C-alpha atoms as a PDB file:
ATOM      1  CA  MET A   1      18.941  -4.366 -11.163  1.00  0.00           C
ATOM      2  CA  GLU A   2      15.737  -4.562 -12.993  1.00  0.00           C
ATOM      3  CA  PHE A   3      12.700  -2.382 -13.101  1.00  0.00           C
ATOM      4  CA  ASP A   4       9.383  -3.508 -13.200  1.00  0.00           C
ATOM      5  CA  GLU A   5       6.603  -1.013 -13.974  1.00  0.00           C
ATOM      6  CA  THR A   6       2.826  -1.211 -15.644  1.00  0.00           C
ATOM      7  CA  ILE A   7       1.446   1.980 -17.377  1.00  0.00           C
ATOM      8  CA  VAL A   8      -2.119   2.078 -18.485  1.00  0.00           C
ATOM      9  CA  GLN A   9      -3.250   4.530 -21.310  1.00  0.00           C
ATOM     10  CA  PRO A  10      -6.868   5.123 -20.871  1.00  0.00           C
ATOM     11  CA  THR A  11      -8.827   4.229 -24.265  1.00  0.00           C
ATOM     12  CA  THR A  12     -10.738   6.758 -26.198  1.00  0.00           C
ATOM     13  CA  GLY A  13     -13.875   6.870 -27.730  1.00  0.00           C
ATOM     14  CA  GLY A  14     -17.419   7.773 -28.058  1.00  0.00           C
ATOM     15  CA  ALA A  15     -19.653   8.497 -25.102  1.00  0.00           C
ATOM     16  CA  VAL A  16     -19.867   6.026 -22.253  1.00  0.00           C
ATOM     17  CA  ASP A  17     -23.344   4.630 -21.240  1.00  0.00           C
ATOM     18  CA  GLU A  18     -24.352   5.197 -17.815  1.00  0.00           C
ATOM     19  CA  GLY A  19     -23.760   1.648 -16.844  1.00  0.00           C
ATOM     20  CA  GLU A  20     -20.950   1.240 -18.688  1.00  0.00           C
ATOM     21  CA  ALA A  21     -18.255   3.697 -16.703  1.00  0.00           C
ATOM     22  CA  MET A  22     -15.382   1.730 -17.767  1.00  0.00           C
ATOM     23  CA  ASN A  23     -12.504   2.717 -19.790  1.00  0.00           C
ATOM     24  CA  ASN A  24      -8.985   1.817 -17.835  1.00  0.00           C
ATOM     25  CA  VAL A  25      -7.553  -1.099 -20.232  1.00  0.00           C
ATOM     26  CA  CYS A  26      -5.306  -3.383 -18.132  1.00  0.00           C
ATOM     27  CA  SER A  27      -2.085  -3.589 -20.246  1.00  0.00           C
ATOM     28  CA  ARG A  28      -1.238  -6.816 -18.529  1.00  0.00           C
ATOM     29  CA  CYS A  29      -4.700  -8.839 -19.326  1.00  0.00           C
ATOM     30  CA  GLN A  30      -6.475  -6.318 -21.340  1.00  0.00           C
ATOM     31  CA  HIS A  31      -9.402  -6.522 -18.820  1.00  0.00           C
ATOM     32  CA  GLU A  32     -11.447  -3.132 -18.959  1.00  0.00           C
ATOM     33  CA  ASN A  33     -11.627  -1.517 -15.355  1.00  0.00           C
ATOM     34  CA  MET A  34     -13.829   1.336 -13.963  1.00  0.00           C
ATOM     35  CA  VAL A  35     -12.985   4.739 -14.314  1.00  0.00           C
ATOM     36  CA  GLY A  36     -10.512   6.206 -11.571  1.00  0.00           C
ATOM     37  CA  ALA A  37      -9.807   2.418 -10.464  1.00  0.00           C
ATOM     38  CA  LEU A  38      -6.040   2.061  -9.529  1.00  0.00           C
ATOM     39  CA  ILE A  39      -5.649  -1.896  -9.695  1.00  0.00           C
ATOM     40  CA  CYS A  40      -7.337  -4.416 -12.163  1.00  0.00           C
ATOM     41  CA  GLU A  41      -9.972  -5.861 -10.375  1.00  0.00           C
ATOM     42  CA  ASN A  42      -9.052  -9.268 -13.018  1.00  0.00           C
ATOM     43  CA  CYS A  43      -5.357  -9.658 -12.422  1.00  0.00           C
ATOM     44  CA  GLY A  44      -4.213  -7.188  -9.662  1.00  0.00           C
ATOM     45  CA  ALA A  45      -1.822  -5.182 -11.988  1.00  0.00           C
ATOM     46  CA  LEU A  46      -1.545  -1.445 -11.177  1.00  0.00           C
ATOM     47  CA  LEU A  47      -3.411   0.755 -13.344  1.00  0.00           C
ATOM     48  CA  ILE A  48      -1.562   3.796 -13.517  1.00  0.00           C
ATOM     49  CA  VAL A  49      -2.389   6.719 -15.675  1.00  0.00           C
ATOM     50  CA  GLU A  50       0.896   8.641 -16.909  1.00  0.00           C
ATOM     51  CA  GLN A  51       0.375  12.478 -17.179  1.00  0.00           C
ATOM     52  CA  SER A  52       3.394  14.162 -18.536  1.00  0.00           C
ATOM     53  CA  GLY A  53       7.100  13.897 -17.774  1.00  0.00           C
ATOM     54  CA  ARG A  54       9.087  11.055 -16.781  1.00  0.00           C
ATOM     55  CA  THR A  55       8.150   8.855 -13.755  1.00  0.00           C
ATOM     56  CA  LYS A  56      10.453   7.044 -11.377  1.00  0.00           C
ATOM     57  CA  LYS A  57      10.581   3.110 -11.290  1.00  0.00           C
ATOM     58  CA  THR A  58      10.418   0.920  -8.228  1.00  0.00           C
ATOM     59  CA  ARG A  59      13.742  -0.387  -7.561  1.00  0.00           C
ATOM     60  CA  GLN A  60      13.545  -4.017  -7.976  1.00  0.00           C
ATOM     61  CA  PHE A  61      15.824  -6.347  -5.632  1.00  0.00           C
ATOM     62  CA  SER A  62      17.110  -9.641  -6.797  1.00  0.00           C
ATOM     63  CA  PRO A  63      15.747 -12.956  -5.088  1.00  0.00           C
ATOM     64  CA  GLY A  64      17.781 -13.438  -1.795  1.00  0.00           C
ATOM     65  CA  GLU A  65      18.881  -9.733  -1.910  1.00  0.00           C
ATOM     66  CA  ASP A  66      15.241  -8.961   0.030  1.00  0.00           C
ATOM     67  CA  THR A  67      16.058 -11.564   2.790  1.00  0.00           C
ATOM     68  CA  ALA A  68      16.035  -9.708   6.332  1.00  0.00           C
ATOM     69  CA  PRO A  69      16.832 -11.355   9.753  1.00  0.00           C
ATOM     70  CA  SER A  70      13.730 -12.401  11.670  1.00  0.00           C
ATOM     71  CA  ILE A  71      13.047  -9.867  14.366  1.00  0.00           C
ATOM     72  CA  PRO A  72      11.101 -11.316  17.657  1.00  0.00           C
ATOM     73  CA  VAL A  73       7.869  -9.617  17.883  1.00  0.00           C
ATOM     74  CA  GLU A  74       5.490  -9.454  20.669  1.00  0.00           C
ATOM     75  CA  GLN A  75       1.878  -8.962  19.675  1.00  0.00           C
ATOM     76  CA  GLY A  76      -0.313  -6.888  21.066  1.00  0.00           C
ATOM     77  CA  THR A  77      -4.195  -6.741  20.624  1.00  0.00           C
ATOM     78  CA  ARG A  78      -5.986  -7.303  17.583  1.00  0.00           C
ATOM     79  CA  THR A  79      -8.848  -4.943  18.792  1.00  0.00           C
ATOM     80  CA  PHE A  80      -8.754  -1.428  17.158  1.00  0.00           C
ATOM     81  CA  GLU A  81     -10.881   0.909  19.442  1.00  0.00           C
ATOM     82  CA  ALA A  82     -13.473   3.396  18.125  1.00  0.00           C
ATOM     83  CA  SER A  83     -11.407   6.067  19.372  1.00  0.00           C
ATOM     84  CA  ALA A  84      -7.977   4.718  18.251  1.00  0.00           C
ATOM     85  CA  LYS A  85      -5.575   6.561  15.762  1.00  0.00           C
ATOM     86  CA  LEU A  86      -2.969   4.156  13.790  1.00  0.00           C
ATOM     87  CA  SER A  87       0.529   5.087  14.142  1.00  0.00           C
ATOM     88  CA  LEU A  88       3.088   4.012  11.853  1.00  0.00           C
ATOM     89  CA  GLN A  89       6.593   4.626  13.335  1.00  0.00           C
ATOM     90  CA  PHE A  90       9.511   4.305  11.027  1.00  0.00           C
ATOM     91  CA  GLY A  91      13.051   4.195  12.710  1.00  0.00           C
ATOM     92  CA  GLU A  92      13.645   5.716  15.727  1.00  0.00           C
ATOM     93  CA  SER A  93      12.014   9.296  15.662  1.00  0.00           C
ATOM     94  CA  GLU A  94       9.697   9.567  12.465  1.00  0.00           C
ATOM     95  CA  GLU A  95       6.276   8.685  13.072  1.00  0.00           C
ATOM     96  CA  ARG A  96       2.854   9.259  11.075  1.00  0.00           C
ATOM     97  CA  MET A  97      -0.598   9.174  12.586  1.00  0.00           C
ATOM     98  CA  VAL A  98      -3.592   8.183  10.616  1.00  0.00           C
ATOM     99  CA  GLU A  99      -7.340   8.358  11.558  1.00  0.00           C
ATOM    100  CA  LEU A 100      -8.954   5.269   9.952  1.00  0.00           C
ATOM    101  CA  VAL A 101     -12.862   5.007  10.159  1.00  0.00           C
ATOM    102  CA  ASP A 102     -15.072   1.614  10.255  1.00  0.00           C
ATOM    103  CA  GLY A 103     -14.823   0.673   6.328  1.00  0.00           C
ATOM    104  CA  GLY A 104     -12.052   2.982   5.564  1.00  0.00           C
ATOM    105  CA  GLU A 105      -8.738   2.191   3.990  1.00  0.00           C
ATOM    106  CA  VAL A 106      -5.496   3.924   4.134  1.00  0.00           C
ATOM    107  CA  THR A 107      -2.676   3.115   1.366  1.00  0.00           C
ATOM    108  CA  VAL A 108       1.171   3.661   2.129  1.00  0.00           C
ATOM    109  CA  GLY A 109       3.504   4.208  -0.677  1.00  0.00           C
ATOM    110  CA  ARG A 110       5.528   6.782  -2.740  1.00  0.00           C
ATOM    111  CA  ALA A 111       3.569   9.753  -4.414  1.00  0.00           C
ATOM    112  CA  ASP A 112       4.658  10.472  -8.132  1.00  0.00           C
ATOM    113  CA  ARG A 113       3.756  13.700  -9.513  1.00  0.00           C
ATOM    114  CA  HIS A 114       4.180  12.562 -12.886  1.00  0.00           C
ATOM    115  CA  THR A 115       1.240   9.794 -12.449  1.00  0.00           C
ATOM    116  CA  SER A 116      -2.205   9.868 -10.767  1.00  0.00           C
ATOM    117  CA  VAL A 117      -1.040   7.723  -7.950  1.00  0.00           C
ATOM    118  CA  GLN A 118      -1.301   9.583  -4.411  1.00  0.00           C
ATOM    119  CA  PRO A 119      -1.152   7.281  -1.400  1.00  0.00           C
ATOM    120  CA  THR A 120      -2.770   8.264   1.951  1.00  0.00           C
ATOM    121  CA  VAL A 121       0.655   7.899   3.326  1.00  0.00           C
ATOM    122  CA  ASN A 122       3.669   9.362   1.429  1.00  0.00           C
ATOM    123  CA  LEU A 123       6.855   8.121   2.145  1.00  0.00           C
ATOM    124  CA  ASN A 124       8.880   9.798  -0.514  1.00  0.00           C
ATOM    125  CA  ASP A 125      10.628  12.224   2.191  1.00  0.00           C
ATOM    126  CA  LEU A 126      12.084   9.094   3.975  1.00  0.00           C
ATOM    127  CA  ARG A 127      13.940   7.889   0.590  1.00  0.00           C
ATOM    128  CA  ALA A 128      11.276   5.056   0.292  1.00  0.00           C
ATOM    129  CA  TRP A 129      12.471   4.545  -3.544  1.00  0.00           C
ATOM    130  CA  GLU A 130      15.913   3.455  -2.192  1.00  0.00           C
ATOM    131  CA  TYR A 131      14.384   0.431  -0.230  1.00  0.00           C
ATOM    132  CA  GLY A 132      12.077  -0.646  -2.896  1.00  0.00           C
ATOM    133  CA  VAL A 133       8.724   0.830  -1.635  1.00  0.00           C
ATOM    134  CA  SER A 134       6.240   0.713  -4.777  1.00  0.00           C
ATOM    135  CA  ARG A 135       3.680   3.755  -5.562  1.00  0.00           C
ATOM    136  CA  LEU A 136       0.806   1.870  -4.226  1.00  0.00           C
ATOM    137  CA  HIS A 137       2.655  -0.710  -1.717  1.00  0.00           C
ATOM    138  CA  ILE A 138      -0.007  -1.730   0.798  1.00  0.00           C
ATOM    139  CA  ALA A 139      -3.085  -0.918   2.163  1.00  0.00           C
ATOM    140  CA  ILE A 140      -4.692  -1.007   5.745  1.00  0.00           C
ATOM    141  CA  ARG A 141      -8.457  -1.554   6.005  1.00  0.00           C
ATOM    142  CA  ARG A 142     -10.911  -1.191   8.663  1.00  0.00           C
ATOM    143  CA  SER A 143     -13.753  -3.499   9.202  1.00  0.00           C
ATOM    144  CA  GLY A 144     -15.077  -2.670  12.807  1.00  0.00           C
ATOM    145  CA  PRO A 145     -12.709  -3.434  15.420  1.00  0.00           C
ATOM    146  CA  ASP A 146     -10.598  -5.296  13.030  1.00  0.00           C
ATOM    147  CA  LEU A 147      -7.482  -3.969  10.480  1.00  0.00           C
ATOM    148  CA  TYR A 148      -6.146  -6.045   7.598  1.00  0.00           C
ATOM    149  CA  LEU A 149      -3.055  -5.363   5.851  1.00  0.00           C
ATOM    150  CA  LEU A 150      -3.055  -6.122   2.317  1.00  0.00           C
ATOM    151  CA  ASP A 151       0.080  -5.959  -0.189  1.00  0.00           C
ATOM    152  CA  LEU A 152      -1.359  -4.396  -3.652  1.00  0.00           C
ATOM    153  CA  GLY A 153       0.796  -6.400  -5.838  1.00  0.00           C
ATOM    154  CA  SER A 154       3.855  -4.341  -5.093  1.00  0.00           C
ATOM    155  CA  THR A 155       7.347  -5.165  -6.664  1.00  0.00           C
ATOM    156  CA  ASN A 156       9.356  -6.293  -3.854  1.00  0.00           C
ATOM    157  CA  GLY A 157       6.589  -7.719  -1.624  1.00  0.00           C
ATOM    158  CA  THR A 158       5.694  -7.204   2.021  1.00  0.00           C
ATOM    159  CA  LEU A 159       6.304  -8.901   5.264  1.00  0.00           C
ATOM    160  CA  LEU A 160       4.250  -8.903   8.246  1.00  0.00           C
ATOM    161  CA  ASN A 161       6.351  -9.925  11.276  1.00  0.00           C
ATOM    162  CA  GLY A 162       9.059 -12.008   8.947  1.00  0.00           C
ATOM    163  CA  ALA A 163       6.193 -13.970   6.817  1.00  0.00           C
ATOM    164  CA  ARG A 164       5.794 -12.775   3.236  1.00  0.00           C
ATOM    165  CA  LEU A 165       2.109 -11.966   2.524  1.00  0.00           C
ATOM    166  CA  ALA A 166       0.636 -13.190  -1.068  1.00  0.00           C
ATOM    167  CA  PRO A 167      -0.570 -10.224  -2.997  1.00  0.00           C
ATOM    168  CA  ARG A 168      -4.308  -9.031  -2.670  1.00  0.00           C
ATOM    169  CA  GLU A 169      -4.715 -11.525   0.367  1.00  0.00           C
ATOM    170  CA  PRO A 170      -5.818  -9.505   3.769  1.00  0.00           C
ATOM    171  CA  ALA A 171      -3.973 -10.306   7.022  1.00  0.00           C
ATOM    172  CA  PRO A 172      -4.937  -9.587  10.632  1.00  0.00           C
ATOM    173  CA  LEU A 173      -2.891  -6.428  11.662  1.00  0.00           C
ATOM    174  CA  HIS A 174      -2.051  -6.285  15.601  1.00  0.00           C
ATOM    175  CA  HIS A 175      -0.964  -3.783  17.606  1.00  0.00           C
ATOM    176  CA  LYS A 176       3.181  -3.330  17.623  1.00  0.00           C
ATOM    177  CA  ASP A 177       3.266  -5.474  14.437  1.00  0.00           C
ATOM    178  CA  ARG A 178       6.474  -5.131  12.565  1.00  0.00           C
ATOM    179  CA  VAL A 179       5.727  -4.644   8.300  1.00  0.00           C
ATOM    180  CA  ARG A 180       8.446  -4.590   5.683  1.00  0.00           C
ATOM    181  CA  LEU A 181       7.635  -2.745   2.641  1.00  0.00           C
ATOM    182  CA  GLY A 182      10.721  -3.904   0.315  1.00  0.00           C
ATOM    183  CA  ARG A 183      13.483  -3.000   2.529  1.00  0.00           C
ATOM    184  CA  PHE A 184      11.502  -0.272   4.378  1.00  0.00           C
ATOM    185  CA  GLU A 185      10.548  -1.256   8.056  1.00  0.00           C
ATOM    186  CA  MET A 186       7.760   0.158  10.470  1.00  0.00           C
ATOM    187  CA  VAL A 187       6.017  -0.688  13.444  1.00  0.00           C
ATOM    188  CA  VAL A 188       2.026  -0.321  13.336  1.00  0.00           C
ATOM    189  CA  SER A 189       0.847   0.810  16.568  1.00  0.00           C
ATOM    190  CA  PHE A 190      -2.818   1.280  17.942  1.00  0.00           C
ATOM    191  CA  ILE A 191      -2.947   4.599  19.938  1.00  0.00           C
ATOM    192  CA  ASP A 192      -6.178   5.485  21.924  1.00  0.00           C
ATOM    193  CA  ASP A 193      -5.958   8.969  23.212  1.00  0.00           C
ATOM    194  CA  GLU A 194      -9.110   8.469  25.335  1.00  0.00           C
ATOM    195  CA  GLU A 195      -7.545   5.648  27.068  1.00  0.00           C
ATOM    196  CA  SER A 196      -4.269   7.286  27.919  1.00  0.00           C
ATOM    197  CA  ASP A 197      -6.304  10.302  29.639  1.00  0.00           C
ATOM    198  CA  ARG A 198      -7.594   8.024  32.308  1.00  0.00           C
END
């Protein structure tokens, strides 16, 4: 079993000009990124600043080990109403509700107390590491009534209804879509409280 991790140390140096707020140098492509950036804008590598201690690397599965049977999916609406909330359901009983404003983004992955990585939805309590979930595995972005799913360059990839997503390429998200992070499965639902009250 192999592990893959990119750790970037911030560069040190003199004062930074107002127009040059860059100091995260990517260890993969050596591109200088903005302060606070988590992903290299040039190559997409994670820019993780190690604080102290030991980090838990993402469990990486070998090719062929990550295949899963295709599950028939009945896609729902693509429209995410203004009053709706995003429901992420894991298994039969675990669910996380998230509010997502227009232009907003939710990240899903594993928080790591030894790095600066803190996803919006932390899956540590669901043993996500064992299923190959990366620290910042996916992002869900809202643009008006539409939601988009992006794989953030994860180690084990992301499947949307059985189809593998290309890293950092937005894919439209529908009500009741099935998303797999490594081997970790969830169902995404659009819950409109105003509609259910009628």
